[in-house]
PDB file of N, CA and C in Angstrom:
ATOM      1  N   MET A   1     -71.363  73.663 -81.852  1.00  0.00           N
ATOM      2  CA  MET A   1     -70.758  74.938 -81.638  1.00  0.00           C
ATOM      3  C   MET A   1     -70.975  75.410 -80.198  1.00  0.00           C
ATOM      4  N   PHE A   2     -72.169  75.181 -79.663  1.00  0.00           N
ATOM      5  CA  PHE A   2     -72.445  75.644 -78.299  1.00  0.00           C
ATOM      6  C   PHE A   2     -71.636  74.884 -77.262  1.00  0.00           C
ATOM      7  N   PHE A   3     -71.313  73.628 -77.546  1.00  0.00           N
ATOM      8  CA  PHE A   3     -70.544  72.861 -76.568  1.00  0.00           C
ATOM      9  C   PHE A   3     -69.114  73.378 -76.448  1.00  0.00           C
ATOM     10  N   GLU A   4     -68.692  74.274 -77.345  1.00  0.00           N
ATOM     11  CA  GLU A   4     -67.373  74.901 -77.245  1.00  0.00           C
ATOM     12  C   GLU A   4     -67.368  76.064 -76.251  1.00  0.00           C
ATOM     13  N   HIS A   5     -68.546  76.538 -75.884  1.00  0.00           N
ATOM     14  CA  HIS A   5     -68.648  77.650 -74.921  1.00  0.00           C
ATOM     15  C   HIS A   5     -68.115  77.170 -73.574  1.00  0.00           C
ATOM     16  N   PRO A   6     -67.317  77.967 -72.894  1.00  0.00           N
ATOM     17  CA  PRO A   6     -66.698  77.520 -71.641  1.00  0.00           C
ATOM     18  C   PRO A   6     -67.668  77.161 -70.511  1.00  0.00           C
ATOM     19  N   LYS A   7     -68.901  77.660 -70.555  1.00  0.00           N
ATOM     20  CA  LYS A   7     -69.867  77.356 -69.497  1.00  0.00           C
ATOM     21  C   LYS A   7     -70.769  76.171 -69.828  1.00  0.00           C
ATOM     22  N   VAL A   8     -70.699  75.669 -71.047  1.00  0.00           N
ATOM     23  CA  VAL A   8     -71.625  74.634 -71.508  1.00  0.00           C
ATOM     24  C   VAL A   8     -70.989  73.254 -71.381  1.00  0.00           C
ATOM     25  N   MET A   9     -71.709  72.334 -70.715  1.00  0.00           N
ATOM     26  CA  MET A   9     -71.263  70.959 -70.594  1.00  0.00           C
ATOM     27  C   MET A   9     -71.672  70.163 -71.835  1.00  0.00           C
ATOM     28  N   GLU A  10     -72.943  70.317 -72.247  1.00  0.00           N
ATOM     29  CA  GLU A  10     -73.412  69.649 -73.461  1.00  0.00           C
ATOM     30  C   GLU A  10     -74.560  70.430 -74.070  1.00  0.00           C
ATOM     31  N   ALA A  11     -74.737  70.217 -75.360  1.00  0.00           N
ATOM     32  CA  ALA A  11     -75.804  70.905 -76.078  1.00  0.00           C
ATOM     33  C   ALA A  11     -76.202  70.078 -77.289  1.00  0.00           C
ATOM     34  N   THR A  12     -77.435  70.266 -77.720  1.00  0.00           N
ATOM     35  CA  THR A  12     -77.915  69.628 -78.937  1.00  0.00           C
ATOM     36  C   THR A  12     -78.923  70.548 -79.603  1.00  0.00           C
ATOM     37  N   VAL A  13     -79.131  70.333 -80.879  1.00  0.00           N
ATOM     38  CA  VAL A  13     -79.982  71.197 -81.681  1.00  0.00           C
ATOM     39  C   VAL A  13     -81.047  70.361 -82.381  1.00  0.00           C
ATOM     40  N   ILE A  14     -82.265  70.903 -82.447  1.00  0.00           N
ATOM     41  CA  ILE A  14     -83.330  70.288 -83.241  1.00  0.00           C
ATOM     42  C   ILE A  14     -84.011  71.377 -84.063  1.00  0.00           C
ATOM     43  N   GLY A  15     -84.750  70.953 -85.065  1.00  0.00           N
ATOM     44  CA  GLY A  15     -85.567  71.875 -85.835  1.00  0.00           C
ATOM     45  C   GLY A  15     -86.965  71.913 -85.239  1.00  0.00           C
ATOM     46  N   ILE A  16     -87.530  73.105 -85.151  1.00  0.00           N
ATOM     47  CA  ILE A  16     -88.900  73.267 -84.659  1.00  0.00           C
ATOM     48  C   ILE A  16     -89.697  74.029 -85.716  1.00  0.00           C
ATOM     49  N   PRO A  17     -91.011  73.850 -85.754  1.00  0.00           N
ATOM     50  CA  PRO A  17     -91.822  74.566 -86.745  1.00  0.00           C
ATOM     51  C   PRO A  17     -91.725  76.082 -86.574  1.00  0.00           C
ATOM     52  N   HIS A  18     -91.678  76.783 -87.704  1.00  0.00           N
ATOM     53  CA  HIS A  18     -91.639  78.242 -87.700  1.00  0.00           C
ATOM     54  C   HIS A  18     -92.645  78.734 -88.735  1.00  0.00           C
ATOM     55  N   PRO A  19     -93.481  79.718 -88.377  1.00  0.00           N
ATOM     56  CA  PRO A  19     -94.554  80.142 -89.287  1.00  0.00           C
ATOM     57  C   PRO A  19     -94.070  80.716 -90.620  1.00  0.00           C
ATOM     58  N   LYS A  20     -92.920  81.381 -90.642  1.00  0.00           N
ATOM     59  CA  LYS A  20     -92.445  81.998 -91.886  1.00  0.00           C
ATOM     60  C   LYS A  20     -91.366  81.181 -92.590  1.00  0.00           C
ATOM     61  N   ARG A  21     -90.446  80.629 -91.805  1.00  0.00           N
ATOM     62  CA  ARG A  21     -89.312  79.904 -92.393  1.00  0.00           C
ATOM     63  C   ARG A  21     -89.606  78.422 -92.643  1.00  0.00           C
ATOM     64  N   GLY A  22     -90.657  77.916 -92.052  1.00  0.00           N
ATOM     65  CA  GLY A  22     -90.934  76.486 -92.142  1.00  0.00           C
ATOM     66  C   GLY A  22     -90.326  75.739 -90.971  1.00  0.00           C
ATOM     67  N   GLU A  23     -89.030  75.984 -90.725  1.00  0.00           N
ATOM     68  CA  GLU A  23     -88.360  75.345 -89.597  1.00  0.00           C
ATOM     69  C   GLU A  23     -87.323  76.312 -89.038  1.00  0.00           C
ATOM     70  N   ALA A  24     -87.167  76.281 -87.738  1.00  0.00           N
ATOM     71  CA  ALA A  24     -86.200  77.135 -87.047  1.00  0.00           C
ATOM     72  C   ALA A  24     -85.335  76.274 -86.138  1.00  0.00           C
ATOM     73  N   VAL A  25     -84.272  76.854 -85.645  1.00  0.00           N
ATOM     74  CA  VAL A  25     -83.313  76.142 -84.797  1.00  0.00           C
ATOM     75  C   VAL A  25     -83.643  76.364 -83.322  1.00  0.00           C
ATOM     76  N   LYS A  26     -83.675  75.262 -82.572  1.00  0.00           N
ATOM     77  CA  LYS A  26     -83.810  75.338 -81.115  1.00  0.00           C
ATOM     78  C   LYS A  26     -82.645  74.572 -80.511  1.00  0.00           C
ATOM     79  N   VAL A  27     -82.014  75.184 -79.510  1.00  0.00           N
ATOM     80  CA  VAL A  27     -80.867  74.584 -78.845  1.00  0.00           C
ATOM     81  C   VAL A  27     -81.246  74.224 -77.415  1.00  0.00           C
ATOM     82  N   PHE A  28     -80.871  73.022 -77.004  1.00  0.00           N
ATOM     83  CA  PHE A  28     -81.020  72.580 -75.618  1.00  0.00           C
ATOM     84  C   PHE A  28     -79.619  72.579 -75.022  1.00  0.00           C
ATOM     85  N   VAL A  29     -79.457  73.274 -73.896  1.00  0.00           N
ATOM     86  CA  VAL A  29     -78.141  73.465 -73.296  1.00  0.00           C
ATOM     87  C   VAL A  29     -78.138  72.961 -71.859  1.00  0.00           C
ATOM     88  N   VAL A  30     -77.088  72.216 -71.516  1.00  0.00           N
ATOM     89  CA  VAL A  30     -76.833  71.822 -70.130  1.00  0.00           C
ATOM     90  C   VAL A  30     -75.546  72.527 -69.723  1.00  0.00           C
ATOM     91  N   LEU A  31     -75.640  73.342 -68.695  1.00  0.00           N
ATOM     92  CA  LEU A  31     -74.472  74.092 -68.229  1.00  0.00           C
ATOM     93  C   LEU A  31     -73.612  73.239 -67.298  1.00  0.00           C
ATOM     94  N   LYS A  32     -72.340  73.592 -67.235  1.00  0.00           N
ATOM     95  CA  LYS A  32     -71.432  72.932 -66.286  1.00  0.00           C
ATOM     96  C   LYS A  32     -71.879  73.275 -64.879  1.00  0.00           C
ATOM     97  N   GLU A  33     -71.579  72.389 -63.956  1.00  0.00           N
ATOM     98  CA  GLU A  33     -71.976  72.584 -62.565  1.00  0.00           C
ATOM     99  C   GLU A  33     -71.430  73.903 -62.024  1.00  0.00           C
ATOM    100  N   GLY A  34     -72.319  74.668 -61.386  1.00  0.00           N
ATOM    101  CA  GLY A  34     -71.935  75.932 -60.790  1.00  0.00           C
ATOM    102  C   GLY A  34     -71.916  77.114 -61.755  1.00  0.00           C
ATOM    103  N   GLN A  35     -72.210  76.881 -63.016  1.00  0.00           N
ATOM    104  CA  GLN A  35     -72.191  77.950 -64.015  1.00  0.00           C
ATOM    105  C   GLN A  35     -73.593  78.503 -64.254  1.00  0.00           C
ATOM    106  N   THR A  36     -73.658  79.760 -64.630  1.00  0.00           N
ATOM    107  CA  THR A  36     -74.912  80.379 -65.040  1.00  0.00           C
ATOM    108  C   THR A  36     -74.662  81.083 -66.370  1.00  0.00           C
ATOM    109  N   ALA A  37     -75.689  81.126 -67.187  1.00  0.00           N
ATOM    110  CA  ALA A  37     -75.600  81.806 -68.478  1.00  0.00           C
ATOM    111  C   ALA A  37     -76.989  82.276 -68.858  1.00  0.00           C
ATOM    112  N   THR A  38     -77.047  83.225 -69.759  1.00  0.00           N
ATOM    113  CA  THR A  38     -78.326  83.729 -70.246  1.00  0.00           C
ATOM    114  C   THR A  38     -78.447  83.433 -71.736  1.00  0.00           C
ATOM    115  N   THR A  39     -79.671  83.515 -72.220  1.00  0.00           N
ATOM    116  CA  THR A  39     -79.918  83.350 -73.649  1.00  0.00           C
ATOM    117  C   THR A  39     -79.125  84.395 -74.428  1.00  0.00           C
ATOM    118  N   GLU A  40     -79.147  85.623 -73.952  1.00  0.00           N
ATOM    119  CA  GLU A  40     -78.441  86.707 -74.629  1.00  0.00           C
ATOM    120  C   GLU A  40     -76.940  86.430 -74.709  1.00  0.00           C
ATOM    121  N   GLU A  41     -76.380  85.887 -73.640  1.00  0.00           N
ATOM    122  CA  GLU A  41     -74.951  85.572 -73.626  1.00  0.00           C
ATOM    123  C   GLU A  41     -74.612  84.533 -74.697  1.00  0.00           C
ATOM    124  N   LEU A  42     -75.444  83.512 -74.821  1.00  0.00           N
ATOM    125  CA  LEU A  42     -75.180  82.473 -75.814  1.00  0.00           C
ATOM    126  C   LEU A  42     -75.415  82.982 -77.236  1.00  0.00           C
ATOM    127  N   LEU A  43     -76.401  83.858 -77.413  1.00  0.00           N
ATOM    128  CA  LEU A  43     -76.617  84.433 -78.739  1.00  0.00           C
ATOM    129  C   LEU A  43     -75.436  85.327 -79.134  1.00  0.00           C
ATOM    130  N   LYS A  44     -74.892  86.059 -78.181  1.00  0.00           N
ATOM    131  CA  LYS A  44     -73.717  86.885 -78.451  1.00  0.00           C
ATOM    132  C   LYS A  44     -72.547  86.011 -78.881  1.00  0.00           C
ATOM    133  N   TYR A  45     -72.441  84.825 -78.284  1.00  0.00           N
ATOM    134  CA  TYR A  45     -71.382  83.876 -78.635  1.00  0.00           C
ATOM    135  C   TYR A  45     -71.513  83.435 -80.098  1.00  0.00           C
ATOM    136  N   CYS A  46     -72.739  83.428 -80.618  1.00  0.00           N
ATOM    137  CA  CYS A  46     -72.996  83.034 -82.010  1.00  0.00           C
ATOM    138  C   CYS A  46     -72.471  84.050 -83.018  1.00  0.00           C
ATOM    139  N   GLU A  47     -72.365  85.305 -82.623  1.00  0.00           N
ATOM    140  CA  GLU A  47     -72.062  86.386 -83.554  1.00  0.00           C
ATOM    141  C   GLU A  47     -70.855  86.109 -84.443  1.00  0.00           C
ATOM    142  N   ASP A  48     -69.777  85.635 -83.870  1.00  0.00           N
ATOM    143  CA  ASP A  48     -68.552  85.399 -84.635  1.00  0.00           C
ATOM    144  C   ASP A  48     -68.469  83.997 -85.218  1.00  0.00           C
ATOM    145  N   LYS A  49     -69.379  83.124 -84.819  1.00  0.00           N
ATOM    146  CA  LYS A  49     -69.252  81.725 -85.192  1.00  0.00           C
ATOM    147  C   LYS A  49     -70.277  81.240 -86.221  1.00  0.00           C
ATOM    148  N   LEU A  50     -71.431  81.908 -86.282  1.00  0.00           N
ATOM    149  CA  LEU A  50     -72.502  81.463 -87.179  1.00  0.00           C
ATOM    150  C   LEU A  50     -73.054  82.624 -87.990  1.00  0.00           C
ATOM    151  N   ALA A  51     -73.490  82.317 -89.199  1.00  0.00           N
ATOM    152  CA  ALA A  51     -74.217  83.309 -89.982  1.00  0.00           C
ATOM    153  C   ALA A  51     -75.538  83.590 -89.274  1.00  0.00           C
ATOM    154  N   LYS A  52     -76.048  84.788 -89.393  1.00  0.00           N
ATOM    155  CA  LYS A  52     -77.260  85.216 -88.671  1.00  0.00           C
ATOM    156  C   LYS A  52     -78.443  84.266 -88.923  1.00  0.00           C
ATOM    157  N   TYR A  53     -78.608  83.778 -90.158  1.00  0.00           N
ATOM    158  CA  TYR A  53     -79.746  82.909 -90.439  1.00  0.00           C
ATOM    159  C   TYR A  53     -79.632  81.538 -89.767  1.00  0.00           C
ATOM    160  N   LYS A  54     -78.470  81.197 -89.257  1.00  0.00           N
ATOM    161  CA  LYS A  54     -78.275  79.923 -88.566  1.00  0.00           C
ATOM    162  C   LYS A  54     -78.452  80.038 -87.048  1.00  0.00           C
ATOM    163  N   TRP A  55     -78.645  81.262 -86.558  1.00  0.00           N
ATOM    164  CA  TRP A  55     -78.804  81.460 -85.123  1.00  0.00           C
ATOM    165  C   TRP A  55     -80.065  80.768 -84.636  1.00  0.00           C
ATOM    166  N   PRO A  56     -80.048  80.248 -83.403  1.00  0.00           N
ATOM    167  CA  PRO A  56     -81.258  79.638 -82.850  1.00  0.00           C
ATOM    168  C   PRO A  56     -82.324  80.685 -82.552  1.00  0.00           C
ATOM    169  N   THR A  57     -83.567  80.287 -82.731  1.00  0.00           N
ATOM    170  CA  THR A  57     -84.670  81.170 -82.353  1.00  0.00           C
ATOM    171  C   THR A  57     -85.062  80.932 -80.902  1.00  0.00           C
ATOM    172  N   GLU A  58     -84.696  79.761 -80.381  1.00  0.00           N
ATOM    173  CA  GLU A  58     -84.971  79.437 -78.974  1.00  0.00           C
ATOM    174  C   GLU A  58     -83.772  78.721 -78.375  1.00  0.00           C
ATOM    175  N   ILE A  59     -83.518  79.013 -77.110  1.00  0.00           N
ATOM    176  CA  ILE A  59     -82.511  78.294 -76.324  1.00  0.00           C
ATOM    177  C   ILE A  59     -83.183  77.874 -75.033  1.00  0.00           C
ATOM    178  N   GLU A  60     -83.120  76.584 -74.749  1.00  0.00           N
ATOM    179  CA  GLU A  60     -83.720  76.052 -73.517  1.00  0.00           C
ATOM    180  C   GLU A  60     -82.614  75.476 -72.641  1.00  0.00           C
ATOM    181  N   PHE A  61     -82.553  75.951 -71.409  1.00  0.00           N
ATOM    182  CA  PHE A  61     -81.582  75.433 -70.444  1.00  0.00           C
ATOM    183  C   PHE A  61     -82.216  74.254 -69.713  1.00  0.00           C
ATOM    184  N   ARG A  62     -81.467  73.165 -69.622  1.00  0.00           N
ATOM    185  CA  ARG A  62     -81.957  71.948 -68.965  1.00  0.00           C
ATOM    186  C   ARG A  62     -80.911  71.422 -67.996  1.00  0.00           C
ATOM    187  N   LYS A  63     -81.379  70.595 -67.061  1.00  0.00           N
ATOM    188  CA  LYS A  63     -80.448  69.950 -66.125  1.00  0.00           C
ATOM    189  C   LYS A  63     -79.757  68.765 -66.773  1.00  0.00           C
ATOM    190  N   ASP A  64     -80.462  68.110 -67.711  1.00  0.00           N
ATOM    191  CA  ASP A  64     -79.878  66.985 -68.448  1.00  0.00           C
ATOM    192  C   ASP A  64     -80.629  66.802 -69.762  1.00  0.00           C
ATOM    193  N   LEU A  65     -80.074  65.954 -70.609  1.00  0.00           N
ATOM    194  CA  LEU A  65     -80.699  65.643 -71.892  1.00  0.00           C
ATOM    195  C   LEU A  65     -81.052  64.160 -71.903  1.00  0.00           C
ATOM    196  N   PRO A  66     -82.160  63.795 -72.549  1.00  0.00           N
ATOM    197  CA  PRO A  66     -82.499  62.368 -72.620  1.00  0.00           C
ATOM    198  C   PRO A  66     -81.465  61.642 -73.482  1.00  0.00           C
ATOM    199  N   LYS A  67     -81.021  60.468 -72.990  1.00  0.00           N
ATOM    200  CA  LYS A  67     -79.960  59.735 -73.698  1.00  0.00           C
ATOM    201  C   LYS A  67     -80.259  58.246 -73.766  1.00  0.00           C
ATOM    202  N   THR A  68     -79.616  57.602 -74.731  1.00  0.00           N
ATOM    203  CA  THR A  68     -79.687  56.145 -74.847  1.00  0.00           C
ATOM    204  C   THR A  68     -78.764  55.534 -73.797  1.00  0.00           C
ATOM    205  N   ASN A  69     -78.750  54.203 -73.743  1.00  0.00           N
ATOM    206  CA  ASN A  69     -77.869  53.513 -72.796  1.00  0.00           C
ATOM    207  C   ASN A  69     -76.397  53.772 -73.063  1.00  0.00           C
ATOM    208  N   VAL A  70     -76.054  54.075 -74.318  1.00  0.00           N
ATOM    209  CA  VAL A  70     -74.644  54.327 -74.652  1.00  0.00           C
ATOM    210  C   VAL A  70     -74.292  55.813 -74.605  1.00  0.00           C
ATOM    211  N   GLY A  71     -75.255  56.668 -74.214  1.00  0.00           N
ATOM    212  CA  GLY A  71     -74.979  58.075 -74.017  1.00  0.00           C
ATOM    213  C   GLY A  71     -75.288  58.995 -75.183  1.00  0.00           C
ATOM    214  N   LYS A  72     -75.929  58.473 -76.225  1.00  0.00           N
ATOM    215  CA  LYS A  72     -76.300  59.314 -77.368  1.00  0.00           C
ATOM    216  C   LYS A  72     -77.585  60.074 -77.037  1.00  0.00           C
ATOM    217  N   VAL A  73     -77.629  61.360 -77.389  1.00  0.00           N
ATOM    218  CA  VAL A  73     -78.803  62.194 -77.098  1.00  0.00           C
ATOM    219  C   VAL A  73     -79.985  61.732 -77.946  1.00  0.00           C
ATOM    220  N   LEU A  74     -81.142  61.587 -77.301  1.00  0.00           N
ATOM    221  CA  LEU A  74     -82.366  61.166 -77.975  1.00  0.00           C
ATOM    222  C   LEU A  74     -83.113  62.392 -78.503  1.00  0.00           C
ATOM    223  N   LYS A  75     -82.729  62.827 -79.691  1.00  0.00           N
ATOM    224  CA  LYS A  75     -83.358  64.003 -80.277  1.00  0.00           C
ATOM    225  C   LYS A  75     -84.830  63.759 -80.568  1.00  0.00           C
ATOM    226  N   LYS A  76     -85.189  62.509 -80.875  1.00  0.00           N
ATOM    227  CA  LYS A  76     -86.606  62.223 -81.156  1.00  0.00           C
ATOM    228  C   LYS A  76     -87.461  62.479 -79.917  1.00  0.00           C
ATOM    229  N   ASP A  77     -86.923  62.243 -78.733  1.00  0.00           N
ATOM    230  CA  ASP A  77     -87.658  62.538 -77.498  1.00  0.00           C
ATOM    231  C   ASP A  77     -87.820  64.043 -77.311  1.00  0.00           C
ATOM    232  N   LEU A  78     -86.788  64.794 -77.638  1.00  0.00           N
ATOM    233  CA  LEU A  78     -86.870  66.253 -77.537  1.00  0.00           C
ATOM    234  C   LEU A  78     -87.892  66.802 -78.536  1.00  0.00           C
ATOM    235  N   ARG A  79     -87.889  66.245 -79.762  1.00  0.00           N
ATOM    236  CA  ARG A  79     -88.874  66.678 -80.763  1.00  0.00           C
ATOM    237  C   ARG A  79     -90.295  66.363 -80.295  1.00  0.00           C
ATOM    238  N   ALA A  80     -90.475  65.178 -79.704  1.00  0.00           N
ATOM    239  CA  ALA A  80     -91.802  64.784 -79.205  1.00  0.00           C
ATOM    240  C   ALA A  80     -92.266  65.739 -78.099  1.00  0.00           C
ATOM    241  N   MET A  81     -91.360  66.127 -77.205  1.00  0.00           N
ATOM    242  CA  MET A  81     -91.701  67.069 -76.145  1.00  0.00           C
ATOM    243  C   MET A  81     -92.105  68.428 -76.730  1.00  0.00           C
ATOM    244  N   GLU A  82     -91.404  68.859 -77.761  1.00  0.00           N
ATOM    245  CA  GLU A  82     -91.727  70.127 -78.411  1.00  0.00           C
ATOM    246  C   GLU A  82     -93.085  70.056 -79.096  1.00  0.00           C
ATOM    247  N   GLN A  83     -93.368  68.934 -79.729  1.00  0.00           N
ATOM    248  CA  GLN A  83     -94.654  68.785 -80.408  1.00  0.00           C
ATOM    249  C   GLN A  83     -95.807  68.799 -79.408  1.00  0.00           C
ATOM    250  N   GLU A  84     -95.613  68.203 -78.237  1.00  0.00           N
ATOM    251  CA  GLU A  84     -96.645  68.217 -77.201  1.00  0.00           C
ATOM    252  C   GLU A  84     -96.968  69.647 -76.762  1.00  0.00           C
ATOM    253  N   LYS A  85     -95.961  70.511 -76.755  1.00  0.00           N
ATOM    254  CA  LYS A  85     -96.182  71.901 -76.350  1.00  0.00           C
ATOM    255  C   LYS A  85     -97.082  72.643 -77.322  1.00  0.00           C
ATOM    256  N   THR A  86     -97.027  72.285 -78.602  1.00  0.00           N
ATOM    257  CA  THR A  86     -97.813  73.007 -79.610  1.00  0.00           C
ATOM    258  C   THR A  86     -99.210  72.447 -79.792  1.00  0.00           C
ATOM    259  N   GLU A  87     -99.477  71.289 -79.256  1.00  0.00           N
ATOM    260  CA  GLU A  87    -100.811  70.683 -79.416  1.00  0.00           C
ATOM    261  C   GLU A  87    -101.783  71.171 -78.374  1.00  0.00           C
TER     262      GLU A  87
END
């Protein structure tokens, strides 16, 4: 859904631990060259497209996403990076 935003080049979603829900949504976003966006702007974009309980609790802007040789996003690497932050 986020990759449909006009400023977003690519995006991916992972689940992260949440104290009350068990798991929450985190989005990693790479913006198109020369574009700027805020977390609030992307959350506002969710209003008409997602039910409130599906909204991300975190949005992280990155320059790139880890990928395989064929260009598939390595979500396991993103999960590992998130786990390192909590340890």
